[in-house]
Amino acid sequence: MPMKKVAISLPEGVLETVDEMAARRGMSRSHVIATILSKLARAKHDRDITARIDALLDDETIRVEQKNAADEFLQMSRWPREKW
């Protein structure tokens, strides 16, 4: 992946923590910061997706449709009726 340099200002305590993490892991400061930012961005993206799915499943019409489709499938399938 291509890299770009950026300049950021961090509180001294934060920078000390990042440097300690980097030393413990045998990584560069830049790698630690990039990893943290990547995980943060991915977590936000995952939360957004989860919120969209939750909103969709909260729709009563869709919930009823899915329940009906599942019931129809179970009626025509040979699967045993297991309780989960």
N, C-alpha and C. Protein backbone atom coordinates (compact mmCIF):
# COMPACT_ATOMS: atom_id res chain seq x y z
N MET A 1 0.85 -1.17 0.00
CA MET A 1 0.00 0.00 0.00
C MET A 1 0.90 1.24 0.00
N PRO A 2 0.62 2.20 -0.87
CA PRO A 2 1.43 3.42 -0.89
C PRO A 2 1.25 4.20 0.41
N MET A 3 2.31 4.84 0.82
CA MET A 3 2.29 5.61 2.06
C MET A 3 2.41 7.09 1.75
N LYS A 4 1.79 7.90 2.60
CA LYS A 4 1.93 9.35 2.53
C LYS A 4 2.34 9.84 3.89
N LYS A 5 3.18 10.84 3.91
CA LYS A 5 3.61 11.42 5.18
C LYS A 5 2.65 12.52 5.58
N VAL A 6 2.37 12.58 6.88
CA VAL A 6 1.53 13.63 7.44
C VAL A 6 2.20 14.14 8.71
N ALA A 7 1.91 15.35 9.06
CA ALA A 7 2.41 15.90 10.32
C ALA A 7 1.22 16.09 11.25
N ILE A 8 1.34 15.56 12.46
CA ILE A 8 0.27 15.72 13.44
C ILE A 8 0.88 16.18 14.76
N SER A 9 0.06 16.82 15.56
CA SER A 9 0.48 17.23 16.90
C SER A 9 -0.26 16.37 17.90
N LEU A 10 0.49 15.82 18.86
CA LEU A 10 -0.10 14.97 19.88
C LEU A 10 0.33 15.46 21.26
N PRO A 11 -0.53 15.31 22.24
CA PRO A 11 -0.11 15.61 23.61
C PRO A 11 1.07 14.71 23.99
N GLU A 12 1.96 15.21 24.81
CA GLU A 12 3.16 14.45 25.18
C GLU A 12 2.82 13.08 25.75
N GLY A 13 1.81 13.03 26.60
CA GLY A 13 1.43 11.75 27.21
C GLY A 13 0.99 10.72 26.19
N VAL A 14 0.25 11.17 25.20
CA VAL A 14 -0.21 10.27 24.14
C VAL A 14 0.99 9.75 23.36
N LEU A 15 1.90 10.65 23.02
CA LEU A 15 3.08 10.25 22.26
C LEU A 15 3.94 9.27 23.06
N GLU A 16 4.06 9.49 24.35
CA GLU A 16 4.81 8.56 25.20
C GLU A 16 4.17 7.17 25.19
N THR A 17 2.85 7.15 25.27
CA THR A 17 2.13 5.87 25.24
C THR A 17 2.34 5.16 23.91
N VAL A 18 2.26 5.91 22.81
CA VAL A 18 2.47 5.33 21.48
C VAL A 18 3.89 4.79 21.37
N ASP A 19 4.86 5.55 21.85
CA ASP A 19 6.25 5.10 21.79
C ASP A 19 6.47 3.85 22.63
N GLU A 20 5.83 3.76 23.79
CA GLU A 20 5.94 2.56 24.63
C GLU A 20 5.32 1.35 23.92
N MET A 21 4.16 1.56 23.30
CA MET A 21 3.52 0.48 22.55
C MET A 21 4.43 0.01 21.41
N ALA A 22 5.01 0.97 20.71
CA ALA A 22 5.87 0.65 19.58
C ALA A 22 7.08 -0.15 20.05
N ALA A 23 7.68 0.27 21.15
CA ALA A 23 8.87 -0.42 21.66
C ALA A 23 8.52 -1.85 22.09
N ARG A 24 7.38 -2.02 22.79
CA ARG A 24 6.97 -3.35 23.24
C ARG A 24 6.72 -4.29 22.06
N ARG A 25 6.20 -3.75 20.99
CA ARG A 25 5.83 -4.58 19.84
C ARG A 25 6.93 -4.66 18.77
N GLY A 26 7.99 -3.90 18.97
CA GLY A 26 9.05 -3.87 17.96
C GLY A 26 8.60 -3.23 16.66
N MET A 27 7.75 -2.22 16.78
CA MET A 27 7.20 -1.52 15.61
C MET A 27 7.66 -0.07 15.62
N SER A 28 7.50 0.56 14.49
CA SER A 28 7.78 2.00 14.44
C SER A 28 6.58 2.77 15.00
N ARG A 29 6.82 3.98 15.41
CA ARG A 29 5.76 4.87 15.88
C ARG A 29 4.71 5.02 14.79
N SER A 30 5.14 5.22 13.56
CA SER A 30 4.20 5.41 12.44
C SER A 30 3.32 4.18 12.25
N HIS A 31 3.92 3.00 12.38
CA HIS A 31 3.14 1.76 12.19
C HIS A 31 2.08 1.63 13.29
N VAL A 32 2.44 1.94 14.51
CA VAL A 32 1.48 1.86 15.61
C VAL A 32 0.33 2.83 15.38
N ILE A 33 0.64 4.06 15.04
CA ILE A 33 -0.41 5.07 14.81
C ILE A 33 -1.29 4.66 13.63
N ALA A 34 -0.68 4.18 12.55
CA ALA A 34 -1.46 3.75 11.37
C ALA A 34 -2.36 2.58 11.72
N THR A 35 -1.86 1.64 12.52
CA THR A 35 -2.66 0.48 12.92
C THR A 35 -3.85 0.91 13.77
N ILE A 36 -3.61 1.80 14.72
CA ILE A 36 -4.69 2.29 15.58
C ILE A 36 -5.75 3.01 14.76
N LEU A 37 -5.33 3.89 13.86
CA LEU A 37 -6.28 4.62 13.04
C LEU A 37 -7.06 3.69 12.12
N SER A 38 -6.40 2.69 11.58
CA SER A 38 -7.07 1.73 10.71
C SER A 38 -8.14 0.96 11.48
N LYS A 39 -7.80 0.50 12.69
CA LYS A 39 -8.78 -0.23 13.50
C LYS A 39 -9.94 0.67 13.90
N LEU A 40 -9.66 1.91 14.20
CA LEU A 40 -10.71 2.86 14.57
C LEU A 40 -11.67 3.09 13.39
N ALA A 41 -11.11 3.28 12.20
CA ALA A 41 -11.94 3.50 11.01
C ALA A 41 -12.78 2.27 10.71
N ARG A 42 -12.18 1.08 10.85
CA ARG A 42 -12.91 -0.16 10.58
C ARG A 42 -14.03 -0.35 11.61
N ALA A 43 -13.76 -0.02 12.87
CA ALA A 43 -14.77 -0.15 13.92
C ALA A 43 -15.95 0.77 13.64
N LYS A 44 -15.67 2.00 13.21
CA LYS A 44 -16.76 2.93 12.88
C LYS A 44 -17.57 2.38 11.71
N HIS A 45 -16.88 1.89 10.70
CA HIS A 45 -17.55 1.32 9.53
C HIS A 45 -18.43 0.14 9.96
N ASP A 46 -17.89 -0.73 10.81
CA ASP A 46 -18.65 -1.89 11.29
C ASP A 46 -19.87 -1.45 12.10
N ARG A 47 -19.71 -0.41 12.94
CA ARG A 47 -20.85 0.10 13.72
C ARG A 47 -21.93 0.65 12.80
N ASP A 48 -21.50 1.36 11.74
CA ASP A 48 -22.47 1.90 10.79
C ASP A 48 -23.24 0.79 10.10
N ILE A 49 -22.54 -0.26 9.69
CA ILE A 49 -23.21 -1.39 9.04
C ILE A 49 -24.18 -2.06 10.00
N THR A 50 -23.73 -2.27 11.23
CA THR A 50 -24.59 -2.88 12.24
C THR A 50 -25.84 -2.04 12.48
N ALA A 51 -25.68 -0.73 12.54
CA ALA A 51 -26.83 0.15 12.75
C ALA A 51 -27.82 0.04 11.59
N ARG A 52 -27.31 -0.06 10.37
CA ARG A 52 -28.19 -0.20 9.20
C ARG A 52 -28.94 -1.54 9.25
N ILE A 53 -28.23 -2.59 9.59
CA ILE A 53 -28.88 -3.91 9.69
C ILE A 53 -29.93 -3.90 10.79
N ASP A 54 -29.57 -3.32 11.95
CA ASP A 54 -30.52 -3.25 13.05
C ASP A 54 -31.78 -2.47 12.65
N ALA A 55 -31.59 -1.38 11.93
CA ALA A 55 -32.74 -0.57 11.48
C ALA A 55 -33.61 -1.38 10.52
N LEU A 56 -32.98 -2.12 9.64
CA LEU A 56 -33.72 -2.94 8.68
C LEU A 56 -34.51 -4.02 9.41
N LEU A 57 -33.86 -4.70 10.36
CA LEU A 57 -34.53 -5.77 11.09
C LEU A 57 -35.58 -5.26 12.05
N ASP A 58 -35.52 -3.98 12.38
CA ASP A 58 -36.50 -3.38 13.27
C ASP A 58 -37.81 -3.07 12.53
N ASP A 59 -37.76 -3.15 11.19
CA ASP A 59 -38.94 -2.89 10.37
C ASP A 59 -39.90 -4.08 10.51
N GLU A 60 -41.07 -3.86 11.08
CA GLU A 60 -42.04 -4.93 11.34
C GLU A 60 -42.44 -5.66 10.06
N THR A 61 -42.61 -4.94 8.97
CA THR A 61 -43.01 -5.57 7.71
C THR A 61 -41.96 -6.57 7.25
N ILE A 62 -40.69 -6.17 7.32
CA ILE A 62 -39.62 -7.07 6.90
C ILE A 62 -39.50 -8.25 7.86
N ARG A 63 -39.65 -7.99 9.14
CA ARG A 63 -39.57 -9.07 10.12
C ARG A 63 -40.67 -10.12 9.85
N VAL A 64 -41.88 -9.67 9.57
CA VAL A 64 -42.99 -10.59 9.28
C VAL A 64 -42.70 -11.36 7.99
N GLU A 65 -42.20 -10.67 6.97
CA GLU A 65 -41.85 -11.32 5.70
C GLU A 65 -40.82 -12.42 5.91
N GLN A 66 -39.79 -12.10 6.67
CA GLN A 66 -38.74 -13.08 6.92
C GLN A 66 -39.27 -14.27 7.72
N LYS A 67 -40.10 -14.01 8.70
CA LYS A 67 -40.69 -15.09 9.51
C LYS A 67 -41.54 -15.99 8.63
N ASN A 68 -42.37 -15.39 7.77
CA ASN A 68 -43.22 -16.18 6.86
C ASN A 68 -42.38 -17.02 5.90
N ALA A 69 -41.32 -16.43 5.35
CA ALA A 69 -40.46 -17.16 4.42
C ALA A 69 -39.77 -18.32 5.14
N ALA A 70 -39.32 -18.09 6.37
CA ALA A 70 -38.68 -19.16 7.14
C ALA A 70 -39.68 -20.26 7.45
N ASP A 71 -40.91 -19.91 7.83
CA ASP A 71 -41.94 -20.91 8.11
C ASP A 71 -42.26 -21.73 6.87
N GLU A 72 -42.38 -21.08 5.71
CA GLU A 72 -42.66 -21.78 4.46
C GLU A 72 -41.52 -22.75 4.13
N PHE A 73 -40.29 -22.30 4.32
CA PHE A 73 -39.14 -23.15 4.05
C PHE A 73 -39.16 -24.38 4.94
N LEU A 74 -39.46 -24.19 6.22
CA LEU A 74 -39.48 -25.31 7.15
C LEU A 74 -40.58 -26.32 6.78
N GLN A 75 -41.70 -25.82 6.26
CA GLN A 75 -42.80 -26.72 5.88
C GLN A 75 -42.41 -27.60 4.70
N MET A 76 -41.60 -27.07 3.77
CA MET A 76 -41.24 -27.87 2.61
C MET A 76 -39.90 -28.58 2.76
N SER A 77 -39.17 -28.34 3.84
CA SER A 77 -37.87 -28.98 4.01
C SER A 77 -38.02 -30.29 4.77
N ARG A 78 -36.97 -31.10 4.69
CA ARG A 78 -36.95 -32.38 5.40
C ARG A 78 -36.13 -32.27 6.68
N TRP A 79 -35.72 -31.06 7.02
CA TRP A 79 -34.92 -30.88 8.23
C TRP A 79 -35.77 -31.16 9.46
N PRO A 80 -35.14 -31.78 10.46
CA PRO A 80 -35.89 -32.00 11.70
C PRO A 80 -36.20 -30.66 12.38
N ARG A 81 -37.27 -30.63 13.08
CA ARG A 81 -37.66 -29.40 13.75
C ARG A 81 -36.92 -29.27 15.07
N GLU A 82 -35.73 -28.68 14.99
CA GLU A 82 -34.92 -28.49 16.18
C GLU A 82 -35.25 -27.15 16.81
N LYS A 83 -35.21 -27.12 18.09
CA LYS A 83 -35.40 -25.85 18.82
C LYS A 83 -34.02 -25.28 19.12
N TRP A 84 -33.77 -24.08 18.71
CA TRP A 84 -32.48 -23.44 18.96
C TRP A 84 -32.61 -22.60 20.16
